[in-house]
PDB file of N, CA and C in Angstrom:
ATOM      1  N   UNK A   1       7.208 -45.490 -13.778  1.00  0.00           N
ATOM      2  CA  UNK A   1       6.398 -45.495 -14.423  1.00  0.00           C
ATOM      3  C   UNK A   1       6.204 -45.504 -15.177  1.00  0.00           C
ATOM      4  N   UNK A   2       5.070 -45.441 -15.876  1.00  0.00           N
ATOM      5  CA  UNK A   2       4.737 -45.984 -17.509  1.00  0.00           C
ATOM      6  C   UNK A   2       5.274 -44.696 -18.107  1.00  0.00           C
ATOM      7  N   UNK A   3       5.477 -45.240 -19.649  1.00  0.00           N
ATOM      8  CA  UNK A   3       5.709 -43.989 -20.835  1.00  0.00           C
ATOM      9  C   UNK A   3       4.645 -43.472 -20.851  1.00  0.00           C
ATOM     10  N   UNK A   4       3.616 -43.632 -20.823  1.00  0.00           N
ATOM     11  CA  UNK A   4       2.154 -42.378 -21.008  1.00  0.00           C
ATOM     12  C   UNK A   4       2.885 -41.027 -19.818  1.00  0.00           C
ATOM     13  N   UNK A   5       2.835 -41.822 -18.938  1.00  0.00           N
ATOM     14  CA  UNK A   5       2.724 -40.624 -17.768  1.00  0.00           C
ATOM     15  C   UNK A   5       4.420 -39.829 -17.933  1.00  0.00           C
ATOM     16  N   UNK A   6       5.122 -40.758 -18.432  1.00  0.00           N
ATOM     17  CA  UNK A   6       6.590 -39.809 -18.355  1.00  0.00           C
ATOM     18  C   UNK A   6       6.545 -38.845 -19.458  1.00  0.00           C
ATOM     19  N   UNK A   7       5.759 -39.353 -20.620  1.00  0.00           N
ATOM     20  CA  UNK A   7       5.373 -38.545 -21.914  1.00  0.00           C
ATOM     21  C   UNK A   7       4.502 -37.286 -21.678  1.00  0.00           C
ATOM     22  N   UNK A   8       3.452 -37.159 -19.950  1.00  0.00           N
ATOM     23  CA  UNK A   8       2.762 -36.613 -19.880  1.00  0.00           C
ATOM     24  C   UNK A   8       3.668 -35.219 -19.022  1.00  0.00           C
ATOM     25  N   UNK A   9       4.393 -36.128 -18.335  1.00  0.00           N
ATOM     26  CA  UNK A   9       5.052 -35.909 -17.334  1.00  0.00           C
ATOM     27  C   UNK A   9       6.087 -34.162 -18.081  1.00  0.00           C
ATOM     28  N   UNK A  10       6.577 -34.791 -18.997  1.00  0.00           N
ATOM     29  CA  UNK A  10       8.012 -34.281 -20.118  1.00  0.00           C
ATOM     30  C   UNK A  10       7.251 -32.859 -20.320  1.00  0.00           C
ATOM     31  N   UNK A  11       5.705 -33.374 -21.662  1.00  0.00           N
ATOM     32  CA  UNK A  11       5.324 -32.419 -21.910  1.00  0.00           C
ATOM     33  C   UNK A  11       4.900 -30.980 -20.385  1.00  0.00           C
ATOM     34  N   UNK A  12       4.509 -31.325 -19.551  1.00  0.00           N
ATOM     35  CA  UNK A  12       4.011 -30.484 -18.724  1.00  0.00           C
ATOM     36  C   UNK A  12       5.480 -30.105 -17.732  1.00  0.00           C
ATOM     37  N   UNK A  13       6.310 -30.359 -17.952  1.00  0.00           N
ATOM     38  CA  UNK A  13       8.098 -29.643 -17.645  1.00  0.00           C
ATOM     39  C   UNK A  13       8.241 -28.797 -18.904  1.00  0.00           C
ATOM     40  N   UNK A  14       8.068 -29.127 -20.137  1.00  0.00           N
ATOM     41  CA  UNK A  14       8.578 -28.229 -21.117  1.00  0.00           C
ATOM     42  C   UNK A  14       7.473 -27.165 -21.267  1.00  0.00           C
ATOM     43  N   UNK A  15       6.206 -27.159 -20.787  1.00  0.00           N
ATOM     44  CA  UNK A  15       5.206 -25.564 -21.432  1.00  0.00           C
ATOM     45  C   UNK A  15       5.601 -25.055 -19.932  1.00  0.00           C
ATOM     46  N   UNK A  16       5.141 -25.966 -19.081  1.00  0.00           N
ATOM     47  CA  UNK A  16       4.621 -25.049 -17.213  1.00  0.00           C
ATOM     48  C   UNK A  16       5.858 -24.137 -16.840  1.00  0.00           C
ATOM     49  N   UNK A  17       7.256 -25.742 -17.028  1.00  0.00           N
ATOM     50  CA  UNK A  17       8.462 -25.178 -16.337  1.00  0.00           C
ATOM     51  C   UNK A  17       8.635 -24.948 -15.015  1.00  0.00           C
ATOM     52  N   UNK A  18       9.077 -23.653 -14.302  1.00  0.00           N
ATOM     53  CA  UNK A  18       9.029 -23.435 -13.061  1.00  0.00           C
ATOM     54  C   UNK A  18       8.097 -22.540 -12.784  1.00  0.00           C
ATOM     55  N   UNK A  19       7.682 -21.919 -14.108  1.00  0.00           N
ATOM     56  CA  UNK A  19       6.682 -20.356 -13.425  1.00  0.00           C
ATOM     57  C   UNK A  19       5.350 -20.987 -14.181  1.00  0.00           C
ATOM     58  N   UNK A  20       4.074 -21.221 -13.561  1.00  0.00           N
ATOM     59  CA  UNK A  20       3.455 -21.630 -14.305  1.00  0.00           C
ATOM     60  C   UNK A  20       2.356 -20.358 -14.973  1.00  0.00           C
ATOM     61  N   UNK A  21       2.815 -19.556 -13.791  1.00  0.00           N
ATOM     62  CA  UNK A  21       1.983 -17.974 -14.155  1.00  0.00           C
ATOM     63  C   UNK A  21       2.360 -17.404 -15.573  1.00  0.00           C
ATOM     64  N   UNK A  22       3.804 -17.910 -16.282  1.00  0.00           N
ATOM     65  CA  UNK A  22       3.764 -17.302 -17.314  1.00  0.00           C
ATOM     66  C   UNK A  22       2.966 -18.675 -18.466  1.00  0.00           C
ATOM     67  N   UNK A  23       3.394 -19.569 -18.038  1.00  0.00           N
ATOM     68  CA  UNK A  23       2.779 -20.237 -18.691  1.00  0.00           C
ATOM     69  C   UNK A  23       0.619 -19.867 -19.242  1.00  0.00           C
ATOM     70  N   UNK A  24      -0.066 -19.818 -18.545  1.00  0.00           N
ATOM     71  CA  UNK A  24      -1.222 -19.105 -18.261  1.00  0.00           C
ATOM     72  C   UNK A  24      -1.335 -17.871 -18.514  1.00  0.00           C
ATOM     73  N   UNK A  25      -0.486 -16.851 -18.653  1.00  0.00           N
ATOM     74  CA  UNK A  25      -0.667 -15.377 -18.896  1.00  0.00           C
ATOM     75  C   UNK A  25      -0.373 -15.950 -20.801  1.00  0.00           C
ATOM     76  N   UNK A  26       0.176 -16.378 -20.948  1.00  0.00           N
ATOM     77  CA  UNK A  26       0.812 -17.383 -22.516  1.00  0.00           C
ATOM     78  C   UNK A  26      -0.480 -18.050 -22.869  1.00  0.00           C
ATOM     79  N   UNK A  27      -1.022 -18.464 -22.443  1.00  0.00           N
ATOM     80  CA  UNK A  27      -2.745 -19.266 -22.757  1.00  0.00           C
ATOM     81  C   UNK A  27      -3.934 -18.032 -23.157  1.00  0.00           C
ATOM     82  N   UNK A  28      -3.356 -17.054 -21.868  1.00  0.00           N
ATOM     83  CA  UNK A  28      -4.288 -16.206 -22.196  1.00  0.00           C
ATOM     84  C   UNK A  28      -4.708 -15.469 -22.856  1.00  0.00           C
ATOM     85  N   UNK A  29      -3.203 -14.970 -23.819  1.00  0.00           N
ATOM     86  CA  UNK A  29      -3.002 -13.384 -24.610  1.00  0.00           C
ATOM     87  C   UNK A  29      -3.024 -14.351 -25.743  1.00  0.00           C
ATOM     88  N   UNK A  30      -2.758 -15.734 -25.971  1.00  0.00           N
ATOM     89  CA  UNK A  30      -3.400 -16.165 -27.366  1.00  0.00           C
ATOM     90  C   UNK A  30      -5.153 -16.814 -27.573  1.00  0.00           C
ATOM     91  N   UNK A  31      -5.163 -16.608 -26.465  1.00  0.00           N
ATOM     92  CA  UNK A  31      -7.098 -16.601 -26.635  1.00  0.00           C
ATOM     93  C   UNK A  31      -7.900 -15.538 -27.135  1.00  0.00           C
ATOM     94  N   UNK A  32      -7.192 -14.671 -26.422  1.00  0.00           N
ATOM     95  CA  UNK A  32      -7.694 -12.384 -26.610  1.00  0.00           C
ATOM     96  C   UNK A  32      -7.286 -12.449 -27.925  1.00  0.00           C
ATOM     97  N   UNK A  33      -5.480 -12.514 -28.439  1.00  0.00           N
ATOM     98  CA  UNK A  33      -5.332 -12.623 -29.274  1.00  0.00           C
ATOM     99  C   UNK A  33      -6.591 -13.119 -30.832  1.00  0.00           C
ATOM    100  N   UNK A  34      -6.826 -14.647 -30.509  1.00  0.00           N
ATOM    101  CA  UNK A  34      -7.458 -15.438 -31.298  1.00  0.00           C
ATOM    102  C   UNK A  34      -8.987 -14.566 -31.500  1.00  0.00           C
ATOM    103  N   UNK A  35      -9.393 -14.139 -30.055  1.00  0.00           N
ATOM    104  CA  UNK A  35     -10.767 -13.660 -30.022  1.00  0.00           C
ATOM    105  C   UNK A  35     -10.752 -12.392 -30.885  1.00  0.00           C
ATOM    106  N   UNK A  36     -10.030 -11.088 -30.680  1.00  0.00           N
ATOM    107  CA  UNK A  36      -9.292  -9.945 -31.678  1.00  0.00           C
ATOM    108  C   UNK A  36      -9.789 -10.148 -33.311  1.00  0.00           C
ATOM    109  N   UNK A  37      -8.866 -11.193 -33.788  1.00  0.00           N
ATOM    110  CA  UNK A  37      -8.770 -11.863 -35.434  1.00  0.00           C
ATOM    111  C   UNK A  37      -9.752 -12.065 -35.516  1.00  0.00           C
ATOM    112  N   UNK A  38     -10.397 -12.988 -34.454  1.00  0.00           N
ATOM    113  CA  UNK A  38     -12.161 -13.415 -34.917  1.00  0.00           C
ATOM    114  C   UNK A  38     -12.907 -12.296 -35.510  1.00  0.00           C
ATOM    115  N   UNK A  39     -12.526 -11.249 -34.682  1.00  0.00           N
ATOM    116  CA  UNK A  39     -13.131 -10.533 -34.136  1.00  0.00           C
ATOM    117  C   UNK A  39     -13.152  -8.700 -35.714  1.00  0.00           C
ATOM    118  N   UNK A  40     -11.779  -9.473 -36.727  1.00  0.00           N
ATOM    119  CA  UNK A  40     -11.622  -8.011 -37.146  1.00  0.00           C
ATOM    120  C   UNK A  40     -10.666  -7.491 -36.607  1.00  0.00           C
ATOM    121  N   UNK A  41     -10.243  -7.474 -35.422  1.00  0.00           N
ATOM    122  CA  UNK A  41      -9.694  -6.555 -35.301  1.00  0.00           C
ATOM    123  C   UNK A  41      -7.969  -6.747 -35.175  1.00  0.00           C
ATOM    124  N   UNK A  42      -7.067  -6.000 -35.796  1.00  0.00           N
ATOM    125  CA  UNK A  42      -5.770  -6.665 -36.042  1.00  0.00           C
ATOM    126  C   UNK A  42      -5.394  -6.992 -34.823  1.00  0.00           C
ATOM    127  N   UNK A  43      -4.402  -7.762 -34.019  1.00  0.00           N
ATOM    128  CA  UNK A  43      -4.149  -8.130 -32.650  1.00  0.00           C
ATOM    129  C   UNK A  43      -3.208  -8.222 -33.011  1.00  0.00           C
ATOM    130  N   UNK A  44      -1.847  -8.530 -34.353  1.00  0.00           N
ATOM    131  CA  UNK A  44      -0.514  -8.944 -33.962  1.00  0.00           C
ATOM    132  C   UNK A  44      -0.008  -8.236 -32.540  1.00  0.00           C
ATOM    133  N   UNK A  45      -0.165  -7.647 -32.744  1.00  0.00           N
ATOM    134  CA  UNK A  45       0.762  -6.676 -31.288  1.00  0.00           C
ATOM    135  C   UNK A  45       0.730  -7.305 -29.849  1.00  0.00           C
ATOM    136  N   UNK A  46      -0.499  -7.964 -29.681  1.00  0.00           N
ATOM    137  CA  UNK A  46      -0.700  -8.349 -28.461  1.00  0.00           C
ATOM    138  C   UNK A  46      -0.006  -9.321 -28.098  1.00  0.00           C
ATOM    139  N   UNK A  47       0.185 -10.720 -28.620  1.00  0.00           N
ATOM    140  CA  UNK A  47       1.770 -11.621 -27.731  1.00  0.00           C
ATOM    141  C   UNK A  47       2.954 -10.620 -27.426  1.00  0.00           C
ATOM    142  N   UNK A  48       3.257  -9.988 -28.843  1.00  0.00           N
ATOM    143  CA  UNK A  48       4.587  -9.568 -27.927  1.00  0.00           C
ATOM    144  C   UNK A  48       4.788  -8.704 -27.163  1.00  0.00           C
ATOM    145  N   UNK A  49       3.989  -7.838 -27.342  1.00  0.00           N
ATOM    146  CA  UNK A  49       2.966  -7.531 -25.854  1.00  0.00           C
ATOM    147  C   UNK A  49       3.223  -8.689 -24.237  1.00  0.00           C
ATOM    148  N   UNK A  50       2.655  -9.198 -24.614  1.00  0.00           N
ATOM    149  CA  UNK A  50       2.246  -9.901 -23.650  1.00  0.00           C
ATOM    150  C   UNK A  50       3.516 -10.646 -23.482  1.00  0.00           C
ATOM    151  N   UNK A  51       4.298 -11.292 -24.134  1.00  0.00           N
ATOM    152  CA  UNK A  51       4.980 -11.940 -24.109  1.00  0.00           C
ATOM    153  C   UNK A  51       6.361 -11.333 -22.911  1.00  0.00           C
ATOM    154  N   UNK A  52       6.951  -9.187 -23.553  1.00  0.00           N
ATOM    155  CA  UNK A  52       7.352  -8.375 -22.433  1.00  0.00           C
ATOM    156  C   UNK A  52       7.002  -8.786 -21.489  1.00  0.00           C
ATOM    157  N   UNK A  53       5.853  -8.034 -21.395  1.00  0.00           N
ATOM    158  CA  UNK A  53       4.910  -7.819 -19.731  1.00  0.00           C
ATOM    159  C   UNK A  53       5.613  -9.161 -19.227  1.00  0.00           C
ATOM    160  N   UNK A  54       5.161 -10.275 -19.636  1.00  0.00           N
ATOM    161  CA  UNK A  54       5.271 -11.994 -18.516  1.00  0.00           C
ATOM    162  C   UNK A  54       6.424 -11.822 -18.163  1.00  0.00           C
ATOM    163  N   UNK A  55       7.684 -11.811 -19.314  1.00  0.00           N
ATOM    164  CA  UNK A  55       8.784 -11.719 -19.238  1.00  0.00           C
ATOM    165  C   UNK A  55       9.397 -10.754 -17.874  1.00  0.00           C
ATOM    166  N   UNK A  56       9.027  -9.629 -17.420  1.00  0.00           N
ATOM    167  CA  UNK A  56       9.321  -9.121 -16.931  1.00  0.00           C
ATOM    168  C   UNK A  56       8.945  -9.211 -15.478  1.00  0.00           C
ATOM    169  N   UNK A  57       7.635 -10.011 -15.877  1.00  0.00           N
ATOM    170  CA  UNK A  57       7.280 -10.160 -14.084  1.00  0.00           C
ATOM    171  C   UNK A  57       7.993 -11.552 -13.246  1.00  0.00           C
ATOM    172  N   UNK A  58       8.143 -12.083 -14.763  1.00  0.00           N
ATOM    173  CA  UNK A  58       9.178 -13.534 -14.349  1.00  0.00           C
ATOM    174  C   UNK A  58      10.546 -13.058 -13.639  1.00  0.00           C
ATOM    175  N   UNK A  59      11.091 -11.911 -14.300  1.00  0.00           N
ATOM    176  CA  UNK A  59      12.725 -11.704 -13.879  1.00  0.00           C
ATOM    177  C   UNK A  59      12.365 -11.189 -12.058  1.00  0.00           C
ATOM    178  N   UNK A  60      11.186 -10.276 -12.352  1.00  0.00           N
ATOM    179  CA  UNK A  60      10.858  -9.440 -11.341  1.00  0.00           C
ATOM    180  C   UNK A  60      10.567 -10.584 -10.039  1.00  0.00           C
ATOM    181  N   UNK A  61       9.963 -11.372 -10.519  1.00  0.00           N
ATOM    182  CA  UNK A  61       9.530 -12.527  -8.975  1.00  0.00           C
ATOM    183  C   UNK A  61      10.851 -13.705  -8.756  1.00  0.00           C
ATOM    184  N   UNK A  62      12.221 -13.230 -10.269  1.00  0.00           N
ATOM    185  CA  UNK A  62      12.650 -14.325  -9.640  1.00  0.00           C
ATOM    186  C   UNK A  62      13.723 -13.554  -9.104  1.00  0.00           C
ATOM    187  N   UNK A  63      14.261 -12.649  -9.353  1.00  0.00           N
ATOM    188  CA  UNK A  63      14.767 -11.438  -8.238  1.00  0.00           C
ATOM    189  C   UNK A  63      14.715 -11.352  -6.981  1.00  0.00           C
ATOM    190  N   UNK A  64      13.560 -10.810  -6.844  1.00  0.00           N
ATOM    191  CA  UNK A  64      12.483 -10.875  -4.871  1.00  0.00           C
ATOM    192  C   UNK A  64      12.976 -12.534  -4.473  1.00  0.00           C
ATOM    193  N   UNK A  65      13.187 -13.743  -5.263  1.00  0.00           N
ATOM    194  CA  UNK A  65      13.341 -14.288  -4.311  1.00  0.00           C
ATOM    195  C   UNK A  65      14.426 -14.993  -3.973  1.00  0.00           C
ATOM    196  N   UNK A  66      15.403 -14.326  -5.496  1.00  0.00           N
ATOM    197  CA  UNK A  66      17.180 -14.862  -5.138  1.00  0.00           C
ATOM    198  C   UNK A  66      17.161 -16.064  -5.978  1.00  0.00           C
ATOM    199  N   UNK A  67      16.439 -16.614  -6.453  1.00  0.00           N
ATOM    200  CA  UNK A  67      16.925 -17.818  -7.644  1.00  0.00           C
ATOM    201  C   UNK A  67      17.632 -17.534  -8.158  1.00  0.00           C
TER     202      UNK A  67
END
């Protein structure tokens, strides 16, 4: 595997990891936070809320699968 592919594979594993739904959820939360902030709405609360919800969903999914 060439160095560029190893580099891209590392970043994919680092960002996505075992659960791609958490990575997508974080990206969506970042986009919505940016849109709120751009509209002048206080959006500081959105990312912590998203992290708590995504963590809960990920733990629920892992506990059901027996992982």
